[in-house]
Amino acid sequence: MILPSPDTLNREYLIKIIEFYGFIECSCILAFLQTVCSKNLDAASYRFIHEKLKECLHNHYSDSCKHYFDELKKLQTEIEYILSVFF
């Protein structure tokens, strides 16, 4: 497993993952990434995205389709790692 860094978990990477999902929380993240963020995110941006991902998973996650959410859960974990190590 390659550990994430702010360079690898940049705006373009996040957009690529999140745009697959049609949830309102993901739409909020996309709008935020596309209008507010520069290529490399700061701690506040990662925190906002983390909270929206947490909200999305809380509202929509289901054991019956848990594999559908694998990328969002992985992204949430990667952001937690970045926040704990880099900021």
Protein backbone atom coordinates (compact mmCIF):
# COMPACT_ATOMS: atom_id res chain seq x y z
CA MET A 1 0.00 0.00 0.00
CA ILE A 2 1.33 3.41 -0.97
CA LEU A 3 0.80 5.98 1.76
CA PRO A 4 -1.02 9.10 0.60
CA SER A 5 0.47 12.56 0.69
CA PRO A 6 -0.94 16.00 -0.08
CA ASP A 7 0.80 15.75 -3.47
CA THR A 8 -1.01 12.54 -4.40
CA LEU A 9 -4.34 13.44 -2.79
CA ASN A 10 -4.67 16.66 -4.76
CA ARG A 11 -7.72 18.35 -6.26
CA GLU A 12 -7.68 16.42 -9.56
CA TYR A 13 -7.39 13.04 -7.82
CA LEU A 14 -10.24 13.85 -5.45
CA ILE A 15 -12.47 15.05 -8.28
CA LYS A 16 -11.79 11.86 -10.23
CA ILE A 17 -12.92 9.69 -7.32
CA ILE A 18 -15.84 11.75 -6.03
CA GLU A 19 -17.48 12.59 -9.37
CA PHE A 20 -18.47 8.91 -9.71
CA TYR A 21 -20.96 9.29 -6.85
CA GLY A 22 -24.25 11.15 -7.22
CA PHE A 23 -24.94 11.95 -3.60
CA ILE A 24 -25.64 15.54 -2.58
CA GLU A 25 -22.69 15.50 -0.19
CA CYS A 26 -20.41 14.51 -3.07
CA SER A 27 -21.86 17.31 -5.19
CA CYS A 28 -20.98 19.75 -2.39
CA ILE A 29 -17.43 18.41 -2.30
CA LEU A 30 -17.11 18.71 -6.07
CA ALA A 31 -18.39 22.29 -6.07
CA PHE A 32 -15.95 23.12 -3.28
CA LEU A 33 -13.02 21.51 -5.12
CA GLN A 34 -13.86 23.15 -8.43
CA THR A 35 -14.52 26.66 -7.15
CA VAL A 36 -12.53 27.16 -3.96
CA CYS A 37 -9.50 24.88 -3.92
CA SER A 38 -6.18 25.18 -5.66
CA LYS A 39 -4.33 22.08 -6.89
CA ASN A 40 -2.88 21.32 -3.45
CA LEU A 41 -5.26 21.50 -0.54
CA ASP A 42 -4.72 22.94 2.92
CA ALA A 43 -5.76 21.41 6.24
CA ALA A 44 -9.09 23.25 6.34
CA SER A 45 -10.01 21.92 2.88
CA TYR A 46 -9.17 18.36 3.87
CA ARG A 47 -11.23 18.74 7.04
CA PHE A 48 -14.24 20.02 5.10
CA ILE A 49 -14.01 17.16 2.61
CA HIS A 50 -13.52 14.63 5.40
CA GLU A 51 -16.65 15.87 7.20
CA LYS A 52 -18.72 15.74 4.00
CA LEU A 53 -17.49 12.19 3.29
CA LYS A 54 -18.37 11.20 6.84
CA GLU A 55 -21.84 12.70 6.41
CA CYS A 56 -22.30 10.94 3.06
CA LEU A 57 -21.31 7.55 4.42
CA HIS A 58 -23.52 8.03 7.47
CA ASN A 59 -26.51 8.93 5.31
CA HIS A 60 -26.12 6.43 2.49
CA TYR A 61 -23.88 3.50 3.45
CA SER A 62 -25.54 0.12 3.46
CA ASP A 63 -24.12 -3.34 4.11
CA SER A 64 -26.08 -4.64 1.15
CA CYS A 65 -24.04 -2.50 -1.25
CA LYS A 66 -20.91 -1.85 0.81
CA HIS A 67 -18.52 -2.44 -2.10
CA TYR A 68 -20.05 0.52 -3.91
CA PHE A 69 -18.66 2.74 -1.14
CA ASP A 70 -15.15 1.24 -1.06
CA GLU A 71 -13.50 4.22 -2.78
CA LEU A 72 -15.23 6.76 -0.53
CA LYS A 73 -14.23 4.84 2.59
CA LYS A 74 -10.66 4.54 1.32
CA LEU A 75 -10.59 8.26 0.57
CA GLN A 76 -11.87 9.08 4.05
CA THR A 77 -9.09 6.96 5.58
CA GLU A 78 -6.46 8.57 3.36
CA ILE A 79 -7.60 12.05 4.36
CA GLU A 80 -7.51 11.06 8.05
CA TYR A 81 -3.92 9.93 7.54
CA ILE A 82 -2.94 13.17 5.80
CA LEU A 83 -4.51 15.28 8.53
CA SER A 84 -2.74 13.32 11.26
CA VAL A 85 0.71 13.33 9.62
CA PHE A 86 1.02 16.49 7.54
CA PHE A 87 -1.08 19.05 9.43
